[in-house]
Amino acid sequence: MSKYSMDSVVVNSLSKPPIIVLHGDAGVGKTTFAAQAQDAIFIIAEDGLGMLPVAHMPEPESAQDVLGQLQAIKNDPRDRKWLVVDSVTALEKKIWSELCDTNNADSIEEVGGGYGKGYTRALEWMDRFVRELKELRAQTNMGVILIAHTKTQTISPPDKAAYDQYVLNINNKIGDYIHTQADIVAYCELEQIIKQTDQGFGRQQGTAIETGKRVLHCYSSKKYTSKNRYGIQQPIPMDFNQLMTTIASNAPKQGN
């Protein structure tokens, strides 16, 4: 007899805070944006805080330390509302180092005898980490912000021309996995406009000019890996409160 029945049906909660992934070039303001989150606590896999006055755990020496810090926050959240991991790019390097040490390997390619097994084990580690993050959210109602660096990757669809895209600067399998688990994946950049200059004889030349404004792109685009589950289709200023307001205004009403 099945353990399930129609009495098992539940309605998905609309009130849980999001898991947000930010990526973009160094210096664009990803950490500063995350520091705007109310009552945030940082796990700093790299020293990227600068002079920002934020609460953070001691800098971890290993990937296992990161798991230990996450467990400590889950056990005693102290009314914190957001957890920021800065950055998953640096965390991945700690994962590789730990796997190399435990497998007596000189590089991630050699872990488990090669043939991509090291990257598979790193993905398994990250899967455990993300599941722990989701448990943290379920138990404490804390939101999660994961910061990543950016790299350029050539995308080659089977039926279309290849194109370059900004993606998370981590192994592709881990990057794809994190993308599927996040509620928002946002690319951060300095806004640019194209100024057209008349070259004569009906010709125009476009020049990219930065406006000085920092913006988030969290909708599908060939230019960058990005997404959201809230129906956001326009760029948003890099302001945490603005993003939260936009999420709230796009969220479906309970019972609709």
C-alpha atoms as a PDB file:
ATOM      1  CA  MET A   1       0.000   0.000   0.000  1.00  0.00           C
ATOM      2  CA  SER A   2       1.344   3.431  -0.969  1.00  0.00           C
ATOM      3  CA  LYS A   3       2.377   5.776   1.808  1.00  0.00           C
ATOM      4  CA  TYR A   4       0.959   8.671  -0.238  1.00  0.00           C
ATOM      5  CA  SER A   5      -2.621   9.855  -0.602  1.00  0.00           C
ATOM      6  CA  MET A   6      -4.357  13.065  -1.597  1.00  0.00           C
ATOM      7  CA  ASP A   7      -4.014  14.077   2.053  1.00  0.00           C
ATOM      8  CA  SER A   8      -0.263  14.400   1.291  1.00  0.00           C
ATOM      9  CA  VAL A   9      -0.836  17.350  -1.068  1.00  0.00           C
ATOM     10  CA  VAL A  10       0.639  20.659   0.112  1.00  0.00           C
ATOM     11  CA  VAL A  11       0.703  24.170  -1.355  1.00  0.00           C
ATOM     12  CA  ASN A  12       4.117  25.582  -2.173  1.00  0.00           C
ATOM     13  CA  SER A  13       5.082  28.460   0.122  1.00  0.00           C
ATOM     14  CA  LEU A  14       5.361  31.864  -1.544  1.00  0.00           C
ATOM     15  CA  SER A  15       7.004  33.482   1.451  1.00  0.00           C
ATOM     16  CA  LYS A  16      10.411  31.761   1.489  1.00  0.00           C
ATOM     17  CA  PRO A  17      13.308  34.086   0.664  1.00  0.00           C
ATOM     18  CA  PRO A  18      15.207  33.510  -2.573  1.00  0.00           C
ATOM     19  CA  ILE A  19      18.529  31.879  -3.340  1.00  0.00           C
ATOM     20  CA  ILE A  20      20.343  34.534  -5.380  1.00  0.00           C
ATOM     21  CA  VAL A  21      23.477  34.054  -7.478  1.00  0.00           C
ATOM     22  CA  LEU A  22      25.444  37.146  -8.531  1.00  0.00           C
ATOM     23  CA  HIS A  23      28.231  37.125 -11.103  1.00  0.00           C
ATOM     24  CA  GLY A  24      30.162  39.845 -12.872  1.00  0.00           C
ATOM     25  CA  ASP A  25      33.602  41.351 -13.311  1.00  0.00           C
ATOM     26  CA  ALA A  26      35.790  42.210 -10.333  1.00  0.00           C
ATOM     27  CA  GLY A  27      34.990  45.609  -8.859  1.00  0.00           C
ATOM     28  CA  VAL A  28      31.477  45.901 -10.276  1.00  0.00           C
ATOM     29  CA  GLY A  29      29.964  45.903  -6.771  1.00  0.00           C
ATOM     30  CA  LYS A  30      28.720  42.356  -6.130  1.00  0.00           C
ATOM     31  CA  THR A  31      29.910  42.233  -2.516  1.00  0.00           C
ATOM     32  CA  THR A  32      28.714  45.777  -1.863  1.00  0.00           C
ATOM     33  CA  PHE A  33      25.274  44.794  -3.168  1.00  0.00           C
ATOM     34  CA  ALA A  34      25.158  41.714  -0.921  1.00  0.00           C
ATOM     35  CA  ALA A  35      26.233  43.812   2.072  1.00  0.00           C
ATOM     36  CA  GLN A  36      23.005  45.805   1.679  1.00  0.00           C
ATOM     37  CA  ALA A  37      20.967  42.730   2.664  1.00  0.00           C
ATOM     38  CA  GLN A  38      19.350  43.158   6.073  1.00  0.00           C
ATOM     39  CA  ASP A  39      21.132  41.403   8.964  1.00  0.00           C
ATOM     40  CA  ALA A  40      23.452  39.499   6.636  1.00  0.00           C
ATOM     41  CA  ILE A  41      26.303  37.257   7.730  1.00  0.00           C
ATOM     42  CA  PHE A  42      29.143  36.390   5.346  1.00  0.00           C
ATOM     43  CA  ILE A  43      31.158  33.238   4.828  1.00  0.00           C
ATOM     44  CA  ILE A  44      34.277  34.613   3.145  1.00  0.00           C
ATOM     45  CA  ALA A  45      35.997  31.976   1.026  1.00  0.00           C
ATOM     46  CA  GLU A  46      38.204  34.821  -0.219  1.00  0.00           C
ATOM     47  CA  ASP A  47      39.169  38.201   1.172  1.00  0.00           C
ATOM     48  CA  GLY A  48      36.871  40.434  -0.853  1.00  0.00           C
ATOM     49  CA  LEU A  49      35.163  42.498   1.835  1.00  0.00           C
ATOM     50  CA  GLY A  50      37.598  45.385   1.789  1.00  0.00           C
ATOM     51  CA  MET A  51      36.369  48.025   4.234  1.00  0.00           C
ATOM     52  CA  LEU A  52      32.721  46.920   4.253  1.00  0.00           C
ATOM     53  CA  PRO A  53      31.422  46.822   7.861  1.00  0.00           C
ATOM     54  CA  VAL A  54      29.622  43.472   7.702  1.00  0.00           C
ATOM     55  CA  ALA A  55      29.343  40.520  10.068  1.00  0.00           C
ATOM     56  CA  HIS A  56      31.331  37.504   8.890  1.00  0.00           C
ATOM     57  CA  MET A  57      32.739  34.209  10.045  1.00  0.00           C
ATOM     58  CA  PRO A  58      36.557  33.846  10.223  1.00  0.00           C
ATOM     59  CA  GLU A  59      38.130  33.198   6.831  1.00  0.00           C
ATOM     60  CA  PRO A  60      37.952  29.397   6.365  1.00  0.00           C
ATOM     61  CA  GLU A  61      41.098  27.463   5.583  1.00  0.00           C
ATOM     62  CA  SER A  62      39.348  24.579   3.857  1.00  0.00           C
ATOM     63  CA  ALA A  63      36.107  23.484   2.233  1.00  0.00           C
ATOM     64  CA  GLN A  64      35.351  21.477   5.363  1.00  0.00           C
ATOM     65  CA  ASP A  65      35.648  24.685   7.384  1.00  0.00           C
ATOM     66  CA  VAL A  66      32.998  26.241   5.135  1.00  0.00           C
ATOM     67  CA  LEU A  67      30.621  23.371   5.884  1.00  0.00           C
ATOM     68  CA  GLY A  68      31.380  23.749   9.583  1.00  0.00           C
ATOM     69  CA  GLN A  69      30.614  27.466   9.493  1.00  0.00           C
ATOM     70  CA  LEU A  70      27.364  26.835   7.645  1.00  0.00           C
ATOM     71  CA  GLN A  71      26.361  24.265  10.263  1.00  0.00           C
ATOM     72  CA  ALA A  72      27.193  26.712  13.070  1.00  0.00           C
ATOM     73  CA  ILE A  73      24.975  29.378  11.510  1.00  0.00           C
ATOM     74  CA  LYS A  74      22.165  26.865  11.019  1.00  0.00           C
ATOM     75  CA  ASN A  75      22.380  25.801  14.659  1.00  0.00           C
ATOM     76  CA  ASP A  76      22.511  29.355  16.014  1.00  0.00           C
ATOM     77  CA  PRO A  77      21.363  31.935  13.443  1.00  0.00           C
ATOM     78  CA  ARG A  78      21.112  34.805  15.983  1.00  0.00           C
ATOM     79  CA  ASP A  79      18.229  36.409  14.030  1.00  0.00           C
ATOM     80  CA  ARG A  80      20.323  36.763  10.882  1.00  0.00           C
ATOM     81  CA  LYS A  81      18.173  37.100   7.768  1.00  0.00           C
ATOM     82  CA  TRP A  82      20.676  36.503   4.942  1.00  0.00           C
ATOM     83  CA  LEU A  83      23.701  34.313   4.383  1.00  0.00           C
ATOM     84  CA  VAL A  84      26.256  35.486   1.814  1.00  0.00           C
ATOM     85  CA  VAL A  85      28.957  33.163   0.432  1.00  0.00           C
ATOM     86  CA  ASP A  86      31.774  35.166  -1.151  1.00  0.00           C
ATOM     87  CA  SER A  87      32.706  33.567  -3.422  1.00  0.00           C
ATOM     88  CA  VAL A  88      31.748  30.181  -4.849  1.00  0.00           C
ATOM     89  CA  THR A  89      34.620  30.643  -7.298  1.00  0.00           C
ATOM     90  CA  ALA A  90      37.066  30.642  -4.375  1.00  0.00           C
ATOM     91  CA  LEU A  91      35.103  27.888  -2.612  1.00  0.00           C
ATOM     92  CA  GLU A  92      35.543  25.651  -5.643  1.00  0.00           C
ATOM     93  CA  LYS A  93      39.327  25.989  -5.336  1.00  0.00           C
ATOM     94  CA  LYS A  94      39.091  24.911  -1.694  1.00  0.00           C
ATOM     95  CA  ILE A  95      36.991  21.915  -2.738  1.00  0.00           C
ATOM     96  CA  TRP A  96      39.617  20.912  -5.303  1.00  0.00           C
ATOM     97  CA  SER A  97      42.405  21.300  -2.761  1.00  0.00           C
ATOM     98  CA  GLU A  98      40.563  19.141  -0.230  1.00  0.00           C
ATOM     99  CA  LEU A  99      39.862  16.427  -2.810  1.00  0.00           C
ATOM    100  CA  CYS A 100      43.501  16.450  -3.908  1.00  0.00           C
ATOM    101  CA  ASP A 101      44.713  16.101  -0.299  1.00  0.00           C
ATOM    102  CA  THR A 102      42.362  13.233   0.548  1.00  0.00           C
ATOM    103  CA  ASN A 103      43.156  11.392  -2.700  1.00  0.00           C
ATOM    104  CA  ASN A 104      46.924  12.094  -2.710  1.00  0.00           C
ATOM    105  CA  ALA A 105      46.578  13.770  -6.106  1.00  0.00           C
ATOM    106  CA  ASP A 106      48.520  16.684  -7.557  1.00  0.00           C
ATOM    107  CA  SER A 107      45.535  18.141  -9.451  1.00  0.00           C
ATOM    108  CA  ILE A 108      41.776  17.800  -9.673  1.00  0.00           C
ATOM    109  CA  GLU A 109      42.224  15.997 -13.008  1.00  0.00           C
ATOM    110  CA  GLU A 110      44.066  13.172 -11.204  1.00  0.00           C
ATOM    111  CA  VAL A 111      41.500  12.657  -8.420  1.00  0.00           C
ATOM    112  CA  GLY A 112      39.901   9.210  -8.604  1.00  0.00           C
ATOM    113  CA  GLY A 113      42.174   8.117 -11.399  1.00  0.00           C
ATOM    114  CA  GLY A 114      41.245  10.831 -13.875  1.00  0.00           C
ATOM    115  CA  TYR A 115      38.616  10.732 -16.631  1.00  0.00           C
ATOM    116  CA  GLY A 116      36.719  13.620 -15.052  1.00  0.00           C
ATOM    117  CA  LYS A 117      36.131  11.821 -11.741  1.00  0.00           C
ATOM    118  CA  GLY A 118      37.613  14.723  -9.767  1.00  0.00           C
ATOM    119  CA  TYR A 119      35.101  17.174 -11.242  1.00  0.00           C
ATOM    120  CA  THR A 120      32.296  14.709 -10.541  1.00  0.00           C
ATOM    121  CA  ARG A 121      33.324  14.486  -6.889  1.00  0.00           C
ATOM    122  CA  ALA A 122      33.537  18.280  -6.698  1.00  0.00           C
ATOM    123  CA  LEU A 123      29.976  18.421  -8.055  1.00  0.00           C
ATOM    124  CA  GLU A 124      28.869  15.928  -5.390  1.00  0.00           C
ATOM    125  CA  TRP A 125      30.458  18.175  -2.732  1.00  0.00           C
ATOM    126  CA  MET A 126      28.659  21.233  -4.109  1.00  0.00           C
ATOM    127  CA  ASP A 127      25.382  19.316  -4.223  1.00  0.00           C
ATOM    128  CA  ARG A 128      25.744  18.579  -0.508  1.00  0.00           C
ATOM    129  CA  PHE A 129      26.550  22.245   0.148  1.00  0.00           C
ATOM    130  CA  VAL A 130      23.487  23.494  -1.733  1.00  0.00           C
ATOM    131  CA  ARG A 131      21.258  21.008   0.084  1.00  0.00           C
ATOM    132  CA  GLU A 132      22.642  22.367   3.368  1.00  0.00           C
ATOM    133  CA  LEU A 133      21.833  25.896   2.199  1.00  0.00           C
ATOM    134  CA  LYS A 134      18.261  24.865   1.450  1.00  0.00           C
ATOM    135  CA  GLU A 135      17.961  23.264   4.875  1.00  0.00           C
ATOM    136  CA  LEU A 136      19.241  26.518   6.400  1.00  0.00           C
ATOM    137  CA  ARG A 137      16.529  28.427   4.545  1.00  0.00           C
ATOM    138  CA  ALA A 138      13.826  25.942   5.569  1.00  0.00           C
ATOM    139  CA  GLN A 139      14.821  25.975   9.243  1.00  0.00           C
ATOM    140  CA  THR A 140      15.645  29.660   9.746  1.00  0.00           C
ATOM    141  CA  ASN A 141      13.869  31.458   6.859  1.00  0.00           C
ATOM    142  CA  MET A 142      17.212  32.972   5.854  1.00  0.00           C
ATOM    143  CA  GLY A 143      17.804  34.017   2.264  1.00  0.00           C
ATOM    144  CA  VAL A 144      21.022  33.043   0.486  1.00  0.00           C
ATOM    145  CA  ILE A 145      23.311  35.067  -1.784  1.00  0.00           C
ATOM    146  CA  LEU A 146      26.096  33.282  -3.660  1.00  0.00           C
ATOM    147  CA  ILE A 147      28.717  35.497  -5.294  1.00  0.00           C
ATOM    148  CA  ALA A 148      30.776  34.273  -8.253  1.00  0.00           C
ATOM    149  CA  HIS A 149      33.333  35.700 -10.628  1.00  0.00           C
ATOM    150  CA  THR A 150      32.647  35.688 -14.366  1.00  0.00           C
ATOM    151  CA  LYS A 151      34.322  34.059 -17.345  1.00  0.00           C
ATOM    152  CA  THR A 152      33.548  33.978 -21.061  1.00  0.00           C
ATOM    153  CA  GLN A 153      32.448  30.693 -22.585  1.00  0.00           C
ATOM    154  CA  THR A 154      31.629  29.783 -26.163  1.00  0.00           C
ATOM    155  CA  ILE A 155      28.155  28.260 -26.491  1.00  0.00           C
ATOM    156  CA  SER A 156      27.696  25.988 -29.524  1.00  0.00           C
ATOM    157  CA  PRO A 157      24.022  25.067 -30.075  1.00  0.00           C
ATOM    158  CA  PRO A 158      23.542  22.121 -32.450  1.00  0.00           C
ATOM    159  CA  ASP A 159      21.191  24.092 -34.734  1.00  0.00           C
ATOM    160  CA  LYS A 160      22.470  27.669 -34.423  1.00  0.00           C
ATOM    161  CA  ALA A 161      25.649  29.700 -34.761  1.00  0.00           C
ATOM    162  CA  ALA A 162      28.076  29.638 -31.831  1.00  0.00           C
ATOM    163  CA  TYR A 163      28.215  32.659 -29.544  1.00  0.00           C
ATOM    164  CA  ASP A 164      30.156  33.831 -26.486  1.00  0.00           C
ATOM    165  CA  GLN A 165      28.433  34.216 -23.120  1.00  0.00           C
ATOM    166  CA  TYR A 166      29.387  35.451 -19.660  1.00  0.00           C
ATOM    167  CA  VAL A 167      28.988  32.515 -17.243  1.00  0.00           C
ATOM    168  CA  LEU A 168      29.909  31.686 -13.652  1.00  0.00           C
ATOM    169  CA  ASN A 169      33.668  31.282 -13.306  1.00  0.00           C
ATOM    170  CA  ILE A 170      33.512  27.720 -11.987  1.00  0.00           C
ATOM    171  CA  ASN A 171      33.551  24.289 -13.594  1.00  0.00           C
ATOM    172  CA  ASN A 172      30.738  24.075 -16.135  1.00  0.00           C
ATOM    173  CA  LYS A 173      28.985  21.134 -14.436  1.00  0.00           C
ATOM    174  CA  ILE A 174      28.921  22.949 -11.095  1.00  0.00           C
ATOM    175  CA  GLY A 175      27.879  26.181 -12.783  1.00  0.00           C
ATOM    176  CA  ASP A 176      24.976  24.476 -14.542  1.00  0.00           C
ATOM    177  CA  TYR A 177      23.919  22.788 -11.297  1.00  0.00           C
ATOM    178  CA  ILE A 178      23.951  26.028  -9.289  1.00  0.00           C
ATOM    179  CA  HIS A 179      21.997  27.716 -12.075  1.00  0.00           C
ATOM    180  CA  THR A 180      19.213  25.135 -11.785  1.00  0.00           C
ATOM    181  CA  GLN A 181      19.025  25.428  -7.984  1.00  0.00           C
ATOM    182  CA  ALA A 182      18.912  29.229  -7.744  1.00  0.00           C
ATOM    183  CA  ASP A 183      15.790  31.377  -7.800  1.00  0.00           C
ATOM    184  CA  ILE A 184      17.717  34.273  -9.341  1.00  0.00           C
ATOM    185  CA  VAL A 185      20.936  34.277 -11.353  1.00  0.00           C
ATOM    186  CA  ALA A 186      21.935  37.885 -12.015  1.00  0.00           C
ATOM    187  CA  TYR A 187      24.733  39.297 -14.141  1.00  0.00           C
ATOM    188  CA  CYS A 188      26.105  42.550 -12.738  1.00  0.00           C
ATOM    189  CA  GLU A 189      27.640  45.186 -14.977  1.00  0.00           C
ATOM    190  CA  LEU A 190      28.242  48.866 -15.520  1.00  0.00           C
ATOM    191  CA  GLU A 191      25.478  50.141 -17.780  1.00  0.00           C
ATOM    192  CA  GLN A 192      26.532  51.072 -21.292  1.00  0.00           C
ATOM    193  CA  ILE A 193      24.849  53.068 -24.018  1.00  0.00           C
ATOM    194  CA  ILE A 194      25.810  53.137 -27.672  1.00  0.00           C
ATOM    195  CA  LYS A 195      26.537  56.600 -29.032  1.00  0.00           C
ATOM    196  CA  GLN A 196      26.224  56.827 -32.809  1.00  0.00           C
ATOM    197  CA  THR A 197      28.596  59.152 -34.679  1.00  0.00           C
ATOM    198  CA  ASP A 198      27.947  60.242 -38.237  1.00  0.00           C
ATOM    199  CA  GLN A 199      30.853  59.136 -40.427  1.00  0.00           C
ATOM    200  CA  GLY A 200      29.470  60.720 -43.574  1.00  0.00           C
ATOM    201  CA  PHE A 201      28.032  59.109 -46.694  1.00  0.00           C
ATOM    202  CA  GLY A 202      25.189  57.671 -44.614  1.00  0.00           C
ATOM    203  CA  ARG A 203      27.505  55.703 -42.348  1.00  0.00           C
ATOM    204  CA  GLN A 204      27.215  55.555 -38.567  1.00  0.00           C
ATOM    205  CA  GLN A 205      29.801  54.331 -36.051  1.00  0.00           C
ATOM    206  CA  GLY A 206      28.699  53.135 -32.613  1.00  0.00           C
ATOM    207  CA  THR A 207      30.811  53.712 -29.505  1.00  0.00           C
ATOM    208  CA  ALA A 208      30.021  52.079 -26.153  1.00  0.00           C
ATOM    209  CA  ILE A 209      29.951  54.616 -23.298  1.00  0.00           C
ATOM    210  CA  GLU A 210      29.562  53.674 -19.629  1.00  0.00           C
ATOM    211  CA  THR A 211      26.908  55.685 -17.804  1.00  0.00           C
ATOM    212  CA  GLY A 212      28.353  55.000 -14.335  1.00  0.00           C
ATOM    213  CA  LYS A 213      25.190  53.165 -13.285  1.00  0.00           C
ATOM    214  CA  ARG A 214      25.444  49.575 -12.054  1.00  0.00           C
ATOM    215  CA  VAL A 215      22.652  47.235 -13.103  1.00  0.00           C
ATOM    216  CA  LEU A 216      21.471  43.653 -12.586  1.00  0.00           C
ATOM    217  CA  HIS A 217      20.294  41.485 -15.459  1.00  0.00           C
ATOM    218  CA  CYS A 218      18.330  38.476 -14.234  1.00  0.00           C
ATOM    219  CA  TYR A 219      16.348  37.502 -17.320  1.00  0.00           C
ATOM    220  CA  SER A 220      17.278  35.090 -20.099  1.00  0.00           C
ATOM    221  CA  SER A 221      19.894  36.432 -22.510  1.00  0.00           C
ATOM    222  CA  LYS A 222      22.534  35.089 -24.878  1.00  0.00           C
ATOM    223  CA  LYS A 223      24.998  37.646 -23.508  1.00  0.00           C
ATOM    224  CA  TYR A 224      25.116  36.234 -19.969  1.00  0.00           C
ATOM    225  CA  THR A 225      23.815  33.261 -18.000  1.00  0.00           C
ATOM    226  CA  SER A 226      20.888  34.582 -16.003  1.00  0.00           C
ATOM    227  CA  LYS A 227      17.349  33.757 -14.912  1.00  0.00           C
ATOM    228  CA  ASN A 228      14.660  34.432 -12.340  1.00  0.00           C
ATOM    229  CA  ARG A 229      11.472  32.784 -11.116  1.00  0.00           C
ATOM    230  CA  TYR A 230       9.582  36.025 -10.575  1.00  0.00           C
ATOM    231  CA  GLY A 231       8.789  37.192 -14.098  1.00  0.00           C
ATOM    232  CA  ILE A 232      11.371  40.003 -14.081  1.00  0.00           C
ATOM    233  CA  GLN A 233      12.103  41.070 -17.667  1.00  0.00           C
ATOM    234  CA  GLN A 234      13.965  44.381 -17.292  1.00  0.00           C
ATOM    235  CA  PRO A 235      17.343  45.506 -15.878  1.00  0.00           C
ATOM    236  CA  ILE A 236      17.278  46.513 -12.220  1.00  0.00           C
ATOM    237  CA  PRO A 237      19.579  49.012 -10.486  1.00  0.00           C
ATOM    238  CA  MET A 238      22.168  47.292  -8.286  1.00  0.00           C
ATOM    239  CA  ASP A 239      20.273  48.120  -5.127  1.00  0.00           C
ATOM    240  CA  PHE A 240      19.243  45.259  -2.833  1.00  0.00           C
ATOM    241  CA  ASN A 241      16.032  46.917  -1.652  1.00  0.00           C
ATOM    242  CA  GLN A 242      15.046  47.612  -5.257  1.00  0.00           C
ATOM    243  CA  LEU A 243      15.470  43.936  -6.108  1.00  0.00           C
ATOM    244  CA  MET A 244      13.363  42.858  -3.113  1.00  0.00           C
ATOM    245  CA  THR A 245      10.648  45.351  -4.063  1.00  0.00           C
ATOM    246  CA  THR A 246      10.644  44.055  -7.634  1.00  0.00           C
ATOM    247  CA  ILE A 247      10.386  40.446  -6.431  1.00  0.00           C
ATOM    248  CA  ALA A 248       7.466  41.327  -4.140  1.00  0.00           C
ATOM    249  CA  SER A 249       5.606  43.181  -6.887  1.00  0.00           C
ATOM    250  CA  ASN A 250       6.004  40.221  -9.278  1.00  0.00           C
ATOM    251  CA  ALA A 251       5.162  37.436  -6.818  1.00  0.00           C
ATOM    252  CA  PRO A 252       1.788  35.721  -7.399  1.00  0.00           C
ATOM    253  CA  LYS A 253      -0.765  36.262  -4.681  1.00  0.00           C
ATOM    254  CA  GLN A 254      -1.549  33.277  -2.445  1.00  0.00           C
ATOM    255  CA  GLY A 255      -4.702  31.577  -3.643  1.00  0.00           C
ATOM    256  CA  ASN A 256      -4.459  32.849  -7.238  1.00  0.00           C
END
